[in-house]
All heavy atoms as atom14 arrays in JSON, in Angstrom:
{
  "sequence": "LVQVGGSLRLSCAASGRTFSNYAMGWFRQAPGKEREWVAAVS",
  "atom14_mask": [
    [1, 1, 1, 1, 1, 1, 1, 1, 0, 0, 0, 0, 0, 0],
    [1, 1, 1, 1, 1, 1, 1, 0, 0, 0, 0, 0, 0, 0],
    [1, 1, 1, 1, 1, 1, 1, 1, 1, 0, 0, 0, 0, 0],
    [1, 1, 1, 1, 1, 1, 1, 0, 0, 0, 0, 0, 0, 0],
    [1, 1, 1, 1, 0, 0, 0, 0, 0, 0, 0, 0, 0, 0],
    [1, 1, 1, 1, 0, 0, 0, 0, 0, 0, 0, 0, 0, 0],
    [1, 1, 1, 1, 1, 1, 0, 0, 0, 0, 0, 0, 0, 0],
    [1, 1, 1, 1, 1, 1, 1, 1, 0, 0, 0, 0, 0, 0],
    [1, 1, 1, 1, 1, 1, 1, 1, 1, 1, 1, 0, 0, 0],
    [1, 1, 1, 1, 1, 1, 1, 1, 0, 0, 0, 0, 0, 0],
    [1, 1, 1, 1, 1, 1, 0, 0, 0, 0, 0, 0, 0, 0],
    [1, 1, 1, 1, 1, 1, 0, 0, 0, 0, 0, 0, 0, 0],
    [1, 1, 1, 1, 1, 0, 0, 0, 0, 0, 0, 0, 0, 0],
    [1, 1, 1, 1, 1, 0, 0, 0, 0, 0, 0, 0, 0, 0],
    [1, 1, 1, 1, 1, 1, 0, 0, 0, 0, 0, 0, 0, 0],
    [1, 1, 1, 1, 0, 0, 0, 0, 0, 0, 0, 0, 0, 0],
    [1, 1, 1, 1, 1, 1, 1, 1, 1, 1, 1, 0, 0, 0],
    [1, 1, 1, 1, 1, 1, 1, 0, 0, 0, 0, 0, 0, 0],
    [1, 1, 1, 1, 1, 1, 1, 1, 1, 1, 1, 0, 0, 0],
    [1, 1, 1, 1, 1, 1, 0, 0, 0, 0, 0, 0, 0, 0],
    [1, 1, 1, 1, 1, 1, 1, 1, 0, 0, 0, 0, 0, 0],
    [1, 1, 1, 1, 1, 1, 1, 1, 1, 1, 1, 1, 0, 0],
    [1, 1, 1, 1, 1, 0, 0, 0, 0, 0, 0, 0, 0, 0],
    [1, 1, 1, 1, 1, 1, 1, 1, 0, 0, 0, 0, 0, 0],
    [1, 1, 1, 1, 0, 0, 0, 0, 0, 0, 0, 0, 0, 0],
    [1, 1, 1, 1, 1, 1, 1, 1, 1, 1, 1, 1, 1, 1],
    [1, 1, 1, 1, 1, 1, 1, 1, 1, 1, 1, 0, 0, 0],
    [1, 1, 1, 1, 1, 1, 1, 1, 1, 1, 1, 0, 0, 0],
    [1, 1, 1, 1, 1, 1, 1, 1, 1, 0, 0, 0, 0, 0],
    [1, 1, 1, 1, 1, 0, 0, 0, 0, 0, 0, 0, 0, 0],
    [1, 1, 1, 1, 1, 1, 1, 0, 0, 0, 0, 0, 0, 0],
    [1, 1, 1, 1, 0, 0, 0, 0, 0, 0, 0, 0, 0, 0],
    [1, 1, 1, 1, 1, 1, 1, 1, 1, 0, 0, 0, 0, 0],
    [1, 1, 1, 1, 1, 1, 1, 1, 1, 0, 0, 0, 0, 0],
    [1, 1, 1, 1, 1, 1, 1, 1, 1, 1, 1, 0, 0, 0],
    [1, 1, 1, 1, 1, 1, 1, 1, 1, 0, 0, 0, 0, 0],
    [1, 1, 1, 1, 1, 1, 1, 1, 1, 1, 1, 1, 1, 1],
    [1, 1, 1, 1, 1, 1, 1, 0, 0, 0, 0, 0, 0, 0],
    [1, 1, 1, 1, 1, 0, 0, 0, 0, 0, 0, 0, 0, 0],
    [1, 1, 1, 1, 1, 0, 0, 0, 0, 0, 0, 0, 0, 0],
    [1, 1, 1, 1, 1, 1, 1, 0, 0, 0, 0, 0, 0, 0],
    [1, 1, 1, 1, 1, 1, 0, 0, 0, 0, 0, 0, 0, 0]
  ],
  "atom14_positions": [
    [[-95.79, 85.89, 63.35], [-94.41, 86.15, 63.79], [-94.01, 85.07, 64.78], [-94.72, 84.79, 65.74], [-94.34, 87.53, 64.45], [-93.0, 87.92, 65.07], [-91.92, 88.02, 64.0], [-93.14, 89.24, 65.83], [0.0, 0.0, 0.0], [0.0, 0.0, 0.0], [0.0, 0.0, 0.0], [0.0, 0.0, 0.0], [0.0, 0.0, 0.0], [0.0, 0.0, 0.0]],
    [[-92.85, 84.46, 64.55], [-92.37, 83.39, 65.42], [-90.86, 83.53, 65.58], [-90.18, 84.05, 64.69], [-92.75, 82.02, 64.84], [-92.08, 81.78, 63.5], [-92.48, 80.9, 65.83], [0.0, 0.0, 0.0], [0.0, 0.0, 0.0], [0.0, 0.0, 0.0], [0.0, 0.0, 0.0], [0.0, 0.0, 0.0], [0.0, 0.0, 0.0], [0.0, 0.0, 0.0]],
    [[-90.35, 83.06, 66.7], [-88.91, 83.13, 66.92], [-88.21, 81.96, 66.25], [-88.81, 80.92, 65.96], [-88.62, 83.13, 68.42], [-89.07, 84.4, 69.12], [-88.61, 84.46, 70.57], [-88.41, 83.43, 71.21], [-88.44, 85.67, 71.08], [0.0, 0.0, 0.0], [0.0, 0.0, 0.0], [0.0, 0.0, 0.0], [0.0, 0.0, 0.0], [0.0, 0.0, 0.0]],
    [[-86.93, 82.13, 66.05], [-86.11, 81.07, 65.48], [-86.3, 79.79, 66.3], [-86.28, 79.82, 67.53], [-84.63, 81.47, 65.45], [-83.75, 80.29, 65.11], [-84.4, 82.58, 64.45], [0.0, 0.0, 0.0], [0.0, 0.0, 0.0], [0.0, 0.0, 0.0], [0.0, 0.0, 0.0], [0.0, 0.0, 0.0], [0.0, 0.0, 0.0], [0.0, 0.0, 0.0]],
    [[-86.48, 78.69, 65.59], [-86.69, 77.42, 66.24], [-88.13, 77.1, 66.55], [-88.46, 75.98, 66.97], [0.0, 0.0, 0.0], [0.0, 0.0, 0.0], [0.0, 0.0, 0.0], [0.0, 0.0, 0.0], [0.0, 0.0, 0.0], [0.0, 0.0, 0.0], [0.0, 0.0, 0.0], [0.0, 0.0, 0.0], [0.0, 0.0, 0.0], [0.0, 0.0, 0.0]],
    [[-89.0, 78.07, 66.34], [-90.42, 77.88, 66.64], [-91.16, 77.13, 65.55], [-90.56, 76.69, 64.55], [0.0, 0.0, 0.0], [0.0, 0.0, 0.0], [0.0, 0.0, 0.0], [0.0, 0.0, 0.0], [0.0, 0.0, 0.0], [0.0, 0.0, 0.0], [0.0, 0.0, 0.0], [0.0, 0.0, 0.0], [0.0, 0.0, 0.0], [0.0, 0.0, 0.0]],
    [[-92.46, 77.03, 65.74], [-93.31, 76.28, 64.82], [-94.56, 77.08, 64.47], [-95.02, 77.91, 65.25], [-93.74, 74.95, 65.45], [-92.62, 74.15, 65.77], [0.0, 0.0, 0.0], [0.0, 0.0, 0.0], [0.0, 0.0, 0.0], [0.0, 0.0, 0.0], [0.0, 0.0, 0.0], [0.0, 0.0, 0.0], [0.0, 0.0, 0.0], [0.0, 0.0, 0.0]],
    [[-95.07, 76.78, 63.29], [-96.35, 77.33, 62.85], [-97.03, 76.29, 61.99], [-96.36, 75.48, 61.33], [-96.16, 78.6, 62.01], [-95.9, 79.93, 62.69], [-95.63, 81.0, 61.64], [-97.05, 80.34, 63.57], [0.0, 0.0, 0.0], [0.0, 0.0, 0.0], [0.0, 0.0, 0.0], [0.0, 0.0, 0.0], [0.0, 0.0, 0.0], [0.0, 0.0, 0.0]],
    [[-98.37, 76.34, 61.96], [-99.11, 75.5, 61.03], [-99.98, 76.38, 60.16], [-100.83, 77.12, 60.66], [-99.97, 74.47, 61.75], [-100.59, 73.48, 60.77], [-101.36, 72.36, 61.43], [-102.73, 72.75, 61.75], [-103.74, 71.88, 61.84], [-103.51, 70.59, 61.65], [-104.94, 72.3, 62.16], [0.0, 0.0, 0.0], [0.0, 0.0, 0.0], [0.0, 0.0, 0.0]],
    [[-99.73, 76.28, 58.87], [-100.54, 77.0, 57.9], [-101.68, 76.12, 57.41], [-101.53, 74.9, 57.3], [-99.69, 77.42, 56.7], [-98.43, 78.22, 57.0], [-97.75, 78.62, 55.69], [-98.73, 79.43, 57.85], [0.0, 0.0, 0.0], [0.0, 0.0, 0.0], [0.0, 0.0, 0.0], [0.0, 0.0, 0.0], [0.0, 0.0, 0.0], [0.0, 0.0, 0.0]],
    [[-102.8, 76.75, 57.12], [-103.96, 76.05, 56.56], [-104.37, 76.74, 55.27], [-104.14, 77.93, 55.09], [-105.13, 76.06, 57.54], [-104.8, 75.41, 58.75], [0.0, 0.0, 0.0], [0.0, 0.0, 0.0], [0.0, 0.0, 0.0], [0.0, 0.0, 0.0], [0.0, 0.0, 0.0], [0.0, 0.0, 0.0], [0.0, 0.0, 0.0], [0.0, 0.0, 0.0]],
    [[-104.99, 75.96, 54.42], [-105.5, 76.49, 53.15], [-106.86, 75.85, 52.91], [-106.94, 74.65, 52.64], [-104.54, 76.19, 52.02], [-105.17, 76.57, 50.37], [0.0, 0.0, 0.0], [0.0, 0.0, 0.0], [0.0, 0.0, 0.0], [0.0, 0.0, 0.0], [0.0, 0.0, 0.0], [0.0, 0.0, 0.0], [0.0, 0.0, 0.0], [0.0, 0.0, 0.0]],
    [[-107.91, 76.65, 52.99], [-109.26, 76.16, 52.78], [-109.63, 76.32, 51.31], [-109.48, 77.41, 50.75], [-110.24, 76.92, 53.65], [0.0, 0.0, 0.0], [0.0, 0.0, 0.0], [0.0, 0.0, 0.0], [0.0, 0.0, 0.0], [0.0, 0.0, 0.0], [0.0, 0.0, 0.0], [0.0, 0.0, 0.0], [0.0, 0.0, 0.0], [0.0, 0.0, 0.0]],
    [[-110.08, 75.25, 50.7], [-110.39, 75.25, 49.28], [-111.88, 75.1, 49.03], [-112.59, 74.4, 49.77], [-109.64, 74.12, 48.58], [0.0, 0.0, 0.0], [0.0, 0.0, 0.0], [0.0, 0.0, 0.0], [0.0, 0.0, 0.0], [0.0, 0.0, 0.0], [0.0, 0.0, 0.0], [0.0, 0.0, 0.0], [0.0, 0.0, 0.0], [0.0, 0.0, 0.0]],
    [[-112.33, 75.73, 47.95], [-113.72, 75.58, 47.53], [-113.82, 75.8, 46.04], [-112.91, 76.37, 45.43], [-114.62, 76.59, 48.28], [-114.24, 77.92, 47.97], [0.0, 0.0, 0.0], [0.0, 0.0, 0.0], [0.0, 0.0, 0.0], [0.0, 0.0, 0.0], [0.0, 0.0, 0.0], [0.0, 0.0, 0.0], [0.0, 0.0, 0.0], [0.0, 0.0, 0.0]],
    [[-114.88, 75.32, 45.44], [-115.13, 75.61, 44.04], [-114.95, 74.46, 43.08], [-115.41, 74.53, 41.94], [0.0, 0.0, 0.0], [0.0, 0.0, 0.0], [0.0, 0.0, 0.0], [0.0, 0.0, 0.0], [0.0, 0.0, 0.0], [0.0, 0.0, 0.0], [0.0, 0.0, 0.0], [0.0, 0.0, 0.0], [0.0, 0.0, 0.0], [0.0, 0.0, 0.0]],
    [[-114.21, 73.42, 43.47], [-114.14, 72.22, 42.66], [-113.77, 71.08, 43.6], [-113.41, 71.3, 44.75], [-113.14, 72.34, 41.5], [-111.68, 72.35, 41.89], [-110.78, 72.46, 40.65], [-109.38, 72.5, 41.04], [-108.38, 72.73, 40.21], [-108.62, 72.95, 38.92], [-107.13, 72.74, 40.63], [0.0, 0.0, 0.0], [0.0, 0.0, 0.0], [0.0, 0.0, 0.0]],
    [[-113.83, 69.86, 43.09], [-113.58, 68.71, 43.95], [-112.13, 68.69, 44.38], [-111.24, 68.31, 43.61], [-113.96, 67.41, 43.24], [-115.32, 67.49, 42.8], [-113.81, 66.22, 44.2], [0.0, 0.0, 0.0], [0.0, 0.0, 0.0], [0.0, 0.0, 0.0], [0.0, 0.0, 0.0], [0.0, 0.0, 0.0], [0.0, 0.0, 0.0], [0.0, 0.0, 0.0]],
    [[-111.9, 69.09, 45.59], [-110.56, 69.27, 46.15], [-109.73, 67.99, 46.02], [-108.53, 68.05, 45.68], [-110.71, 69.68, 47.61], [-109.42, 69.82, 48.38], [-108.6, 70.91, 48.16], [-109.07, 68.88, 49.34], [-107.42, 71.06, 48.88], [-107.89, 69.02, 50.07], [-107.07, 70.12, 49.84], [0.0, 0.0, 0.0], [0.0, 0.0, 0.0], [0.0, 0.0, 0.0]],
    [[-110.35, 66.85, 46.27], [-109.61, 65.59, 46.34], [-109.09, 65.11, 45.0], [-108.33, 64.13, 44.95], [-110.49, 64.52, 46.98], [-111.67, 64.34, 46.22], [0.0, 0.0, 0.0], [0.0, 0.0, 0.0], [0.0, 0.0, 0.0], [0.0, 0.0, 0.0], [0.0, 0.0, 0.0], [0.0, 0.0, 0.0], [0.0, 0.0, 0.0], [0.0, 0.0, 0.0]],
    [[-109.47, 65.73, 43.91], [-109.03, 65.29, 42.59], [-107.76, 65.98, 42.08], [-107.32, 65.7, 40.96], [-110.14, 65.5, 41.56], [-111.26, 64.49, 41.7], [-111.03, 63.35, 42.11], [-112.47, 64.9, 41.36], [0.0, 0.0, 0.0], [0.0, 0.0, 0.0], [0.0, 0.0, 0.0], [0.0, 0.0, 0.0], [0.0, 0.0, 0.0], [0.0, 0.0, 0.0]],
    [[-107.21, 66.89, 42.88], [-106.08, 67.68, 42.42], [-104.95, 67.7, 43.44], [-105.21, 67.87, 44.64], [-106.52, 69.11, 42.12], [-107.53, 69.19, 40.99], [-108.89, 69.02, 41.23], [-107.1, 69.38, 39.68], [-109.8, 69.04, 40.21], [-108.03, 69.41, 38.64], [-109.36, 69.25, 38.91], [-110.26, 69.27, 37.89], [0.0, 0.0, 0.0], [0.0, 0.0, 0.0]],
    [[-103.73, 67.54, 42.94], [-102.57, 67.74, 43.8], [-102.54, 69.19, 44.27], [-103.08, 70.09, 43.61], [-101.3, 67.39, 43.05], [0.0, 0.0, 0.0], [0.0, 0.0, 0.0], [0.0, 0.0, 0.0], [0.0, 0.0, 0.0], [0.0, 0.0, 0.0], [0.0, 0.0, 0.0], [0.0, 0.0, 0.0], [0.0, 0.0, 0.0], [0.0, 0.0, 0.0]],
    [[-101.9, 69.4, 45.4], [-101.79, 70.73, 45.97], [-100.34, 71.03, 46.33], [-99.56, 70.12, 46.62], [-102.65, 70.84, 47.23], [-104.14, 70.66, 47.02], [-104.88, 72.02, 46.1], [-104.67, 73.39, 47.25], [0.0, 0.0, 0.0], [0.0, 0.0, 0.0], [0.0, 0.0, 0.0], [0.0, 0.0, 0.0], [0.0, 0.0, 0.0], [0.0, 0.0, 0.0]],
    [[-100.02, 72.3, 46.35], [-98.66, 72.68, 46.69], [-98.61, 73.93, 47.55], [-99.58, 74.7, 47.62], [0.0, 0.0, 0.0], [0.0, 0.0, 0.0], [0.0, 0.0, 0.0], [0.0, 0.0, 0.0], [0.0, 0.0, 0.0], [0.0, 0.0, 0.0], [0.0, 0.0, 0.0], [0.0, 0.0, 0.0], [0.0, 0.0, 0.0], [0.0, 0.0, 0.0]],
    [[-97.49, 74.09, 48.21], [-97.16, 75.32, 48.93], [-95.95, 75.96, 48.25], [-94.99, 75.27, 47.92], [-96.83, 75.05, 50.39], [-98.0, 74.73, 51.26], [-98.43, 73.49, 51.65], [-98.91, 75.67, 51.86], [-99.54, 73.61, 52.44], [-99.85, 74.93, 52.6], [-99.01, 77.06, 51.86], [-100.89, 75.52, 53.31], [-100.03, 77.66, 52.56], [-100.97, 76.9, 53.29]],
    [[-96.03, 77.26, 48.08], [-94.93, 78.06, 47.57], [-94.68, 79.18, 48.56], [-95.5, 79.46, 49.42], [-95.3, 78.65, 46.21], [-95.37, 77.65, 45.09], [-96.44, 76.76, 44.98], [-94.37, 77.59, 44.13], [-96.51, 75.84, 43.95], [-94.44, 76.67, 43.08], [-95.5, 75.8, 43.0], [0.0, 0.0, 0.0], [0.0, 0.0, 0.0], [0.0, 0.0, 0.0]],
    [[-93.54, 79.85, 48.4], [-93.27, 81.02, 49.21], [-92.49, 82.04, 48.4], [-91.79, 81.7, 47.44], [-92.52, 80.65, 50.49], [-91.1, 80.13, 50.26], [-90.49, 79.65, 51.58], [-89.13, 79.16, 51.41], [-88.42, 78.58, 52.37], [-88.96, 78.4, 53.6], [-87.19, 78.17, 52.16], [0.0, 0.0, 0.0], [0.0, 0.0, 0.0], [0.0, 0.0, 0.0]],
    [[-92.61, 83.29, 48.82], [-91.9, 84.36, 48.14], [-91.4, 85.36, 49.16], [-92.19, 85.97, 49.89], [-92.8, 85.05, 47.12], [-92.09, 86.05, 46.24], [-92.92, 86.45, 45.04], [-94.14, 86.29, 45.0], [-92.26, 86.99, 44.03], [0.0, 0.0, 0.0], [0.0, 0.0, 0.0], [0.0, 0.0, 0.0], [0.0, 0.0, 0.0], [0.0, 0.0, 0.0]],
    [[-90.09, 85.5, 49.21], [-89.44, 86.47, 50.08], [-89.26, 87.77, 49.32], [-89.22, 87.77, 48.08], [-88.1, 85.93, 50.55], [0.0, 0.0, 0.0], [0.0, 0.0, 0.0], [0.0, 0.0, 0.0], [0.0, 0.0, 0.0], [0.0, 0.0, 0.0], [0.0, 0.0, 0.0], [0.0, 0.0, 0.0], [0.0, 0.0, 0.0], [0.0, 0.0, 0.0]],
    [[-89.13, 88.89, 50.03], [-88.96, 90.18, 49.36], [-87.77, 90.17, 48.4], [-86.66, 89.74, 48.78], [-88.73, 91.14, 50.52], [-89.41, 90.51, 51.68], [-89.22, 89.04, 51.5], [0.0, 0.0, 0.0], [0.0, 0.0, 0.0], [0.0, 0.0, 0.0], [0.0, 0.0, 0.0], [0.0, 0.0, 0.0], [0.0, 0.0, 0.0], [0.0, 0.0, 0.0]],
    [[-88.0, 90.61, 47.19], [-86.94, 90.69, 46.21], [-86.53, 89.38, 45.57], [-85.58, 89.34, 44.79], [0.0, 0.0, 0.0], [0.0, 0.0, 0.0], [0.0, 0.0, 0.0], [0.0, 0.0, 0.0], [0.0, 0.0, 0.0], [0.0, 0.0, 0.0], [0.0, 0.0, 0.0], [0.0, 0.0, 0.0], [0.0, 0.0, 0.0], [0.0, 0.0, 0.0]],
    [[-87.26, 88.32, 45.89], [-86.92, 87.01, 45.34], [-88.1, 86.44, 44.56], [-89.23, 86.87, 44.71], [-86.53, 86.05, 46.46], [-85.27, 86.44, 47.2], [-84.84, 85.35, 48.17], [-83.52, 85.69, 48.84], [-83.08, 84.61, 49.76], [0.0, 0.0, 0.0], [0.0, 0.0, 0.0], [0.0, 0.0, 0.0], [0.0, 0.0, 0.0], [0.0, 0.0, 0.0]],
    [[-87.78, 85.46, 43.72], [-88.84, 84.79, 42.96], [-89.62, 83.84, 43.86], [-89.12, 83.37, 44.89], [-88.22, 84.02, 41.79], [-87.63, 84.9, 40.72], [-87.21, 84.1, 39.49], [-87.28, 82.87, 39.53], [-86.81, 84.74, 38.5], [0.0, 0.0, 0.0], [0.0, 0.0, 0.0], [0.0, 0.0, 0.0], [0.0, 0.0, 0.0], [0.0, 0.0, 0.0]],
    [[-90.83, 83.56, 43.44], [-91.64, 82.59, 44.17], [-91.01, 81.21, 44.01], [-90.65, 80.81, 42.91], [-93.07, 82.59, 43.64], [-94.05, 81.81, 44.49], [-95.49, 82.08, 44.06], [-95.83, 83.49, 44.25], [-97.06, 83.96, 44.12], [-98.07, 83.14, 43.82], [-97.3, 85.25, 44.29], [0.0, 0.0, 0.0], [0.0, 0.0, 0.0], [0.0, 0.0, 0.0]],
    [[-90.87, 80.5, 45.12], [-90.24, 79.2, 45.08], [-91.17, 78.13, 45.66], [-91.94, 78.39, 46.59], [-88.91, 79.19, 45.84], [-89.02, 79.42, 47.34], [-87.71, 79.17, 48.07], [-86.74, 78.67, 47.47], [-87.67, 79.48, 49.28], [0.0, 0.0, 0.0], [0.0, 0.0, 0.0], [0.0, 0.0, 0.0], [0.0, 0.0, 0.0], [0.0, 0.0, 0.0]],
    [[-91.04, 76.96, 45.09], [-91.83, 75.82, 45.54], [-91.29, 75.32, 46.88], [-90.07, 75.26, 47.09], [-91.76, 74.71, 44.49], [-92.35, 73.42, 44.92], [-93.68, 73.12, 45.06], [-91.64, 72.23, 45.25], [-93.82, 71.82, 45.45], [-92.59, 71.24, 45.58], [-90.29, 71.89, 45.3], [-92.25, 69.96, 45.95], [-89.93, 70.61, 45.67], [-90.91, 69.66, 46.0]],
    [[-92.2, 74.95, 47.77], [-91.83, 74.47, 49.09], [-92.15, 72.98, 49.26], [-91.31, 72.19, 49.68], [-92.56, 75.28, 50.19], [-92.31, 74.68, 51.57], [-92.12, 76.73, 50.14], [0.0, 0.0, 0.0], [0.0, 0.0, 0.0], [0.0, 0.0, 0.0], [0.0, 0.0, 0.0], [0.0, 0.0, 0.0], [0.0, 0.0, 0.0], [0.0, 0.0, 0.0]],
    [[-93.39, 72.62, 48.92], [-93.83, 71.25, 49.13], [-95.07, 70.97, 48.28], [-95.76, 71.9, 47.86], [-94.15, 71.0, 50.6], [0.0, 0.0, 0.0], [0.0, 0.0, 0.0], [0.0, 0.0, 0.0], [0.0, 0.0, 0.0], [0.0, 0.0, 0.0], [0.0, 0.0, 0.0], [0.0, 0.0, 0.0], [0.0, 0.0, 0.0], [0.0, 0.0, 0.0]],
    [[-95.33, 69.69, 48.06], [-96.51, 69.29, 47.31], [-97.02, 67.96, 47.83], [-96.26, 67.16, 48.39], [-96.2, 69.2, 45.82], [0.0, 0.0, 0.0], [0.0, 0.0, 0.0], [0.0, 0.0, 0.0], [0.0, 0.0, 0.0], [0.0, 0.0, 0.0], [0.0, 0.0, 0.0], [0.0, 0.0, 0.0], [0.0, 0.0, 0.0], [0.0, 0.0, 0.0]],
    [[-98.31, 67.76, 47.64], [-98.94, 66.5, 48.05], [-99.82, 66.03, 46.91], [-100.49, 66.83, 46.25], [-99.73, 66.69, 49.37], [-100.82, 67.73, 49.22], [-100.31, 65.37, 49.85], [0.0, 0.0, 0.0], [0.0, 0.0, 0.0], [0.0, 0.0, 0.0], [0.0, 0.0, 0.0], [0.0, 0.0, 0.0], [0.0, 0.0, 0.0], [0.0, 0.0, 0.0]],
    [[-99.81, 64.74, 46.67], [-100.61, 64.17, 45.59], [-102.1, 64.3, 45.9], [-102.51, 64.55, 47.03], [-100.24, 62.71, 45.38], [-100.49, 61.97, 46.57], [0.0, 0.0, 0.0], [0.0, 0.0, 0.0], [0.0, 0.0, 0.0], [0.0, 0.0, 0.0], [0.0, 0.0, 0.0], [0.0, 0.0, 0.0], [0.0, 0.0, 0.0], [0.0, 0.0, 0.0]]
  ]
}
């Protein structure tokens, strides 16, 4: 929980295959809405 104008850093720990060989993305889903793409990194 953060106030308007604040900051957060999300982390995602990966395991099970060579992480560096695959692009990664962040998505988000608000209540009642479809999952939407936020960002991606090669």
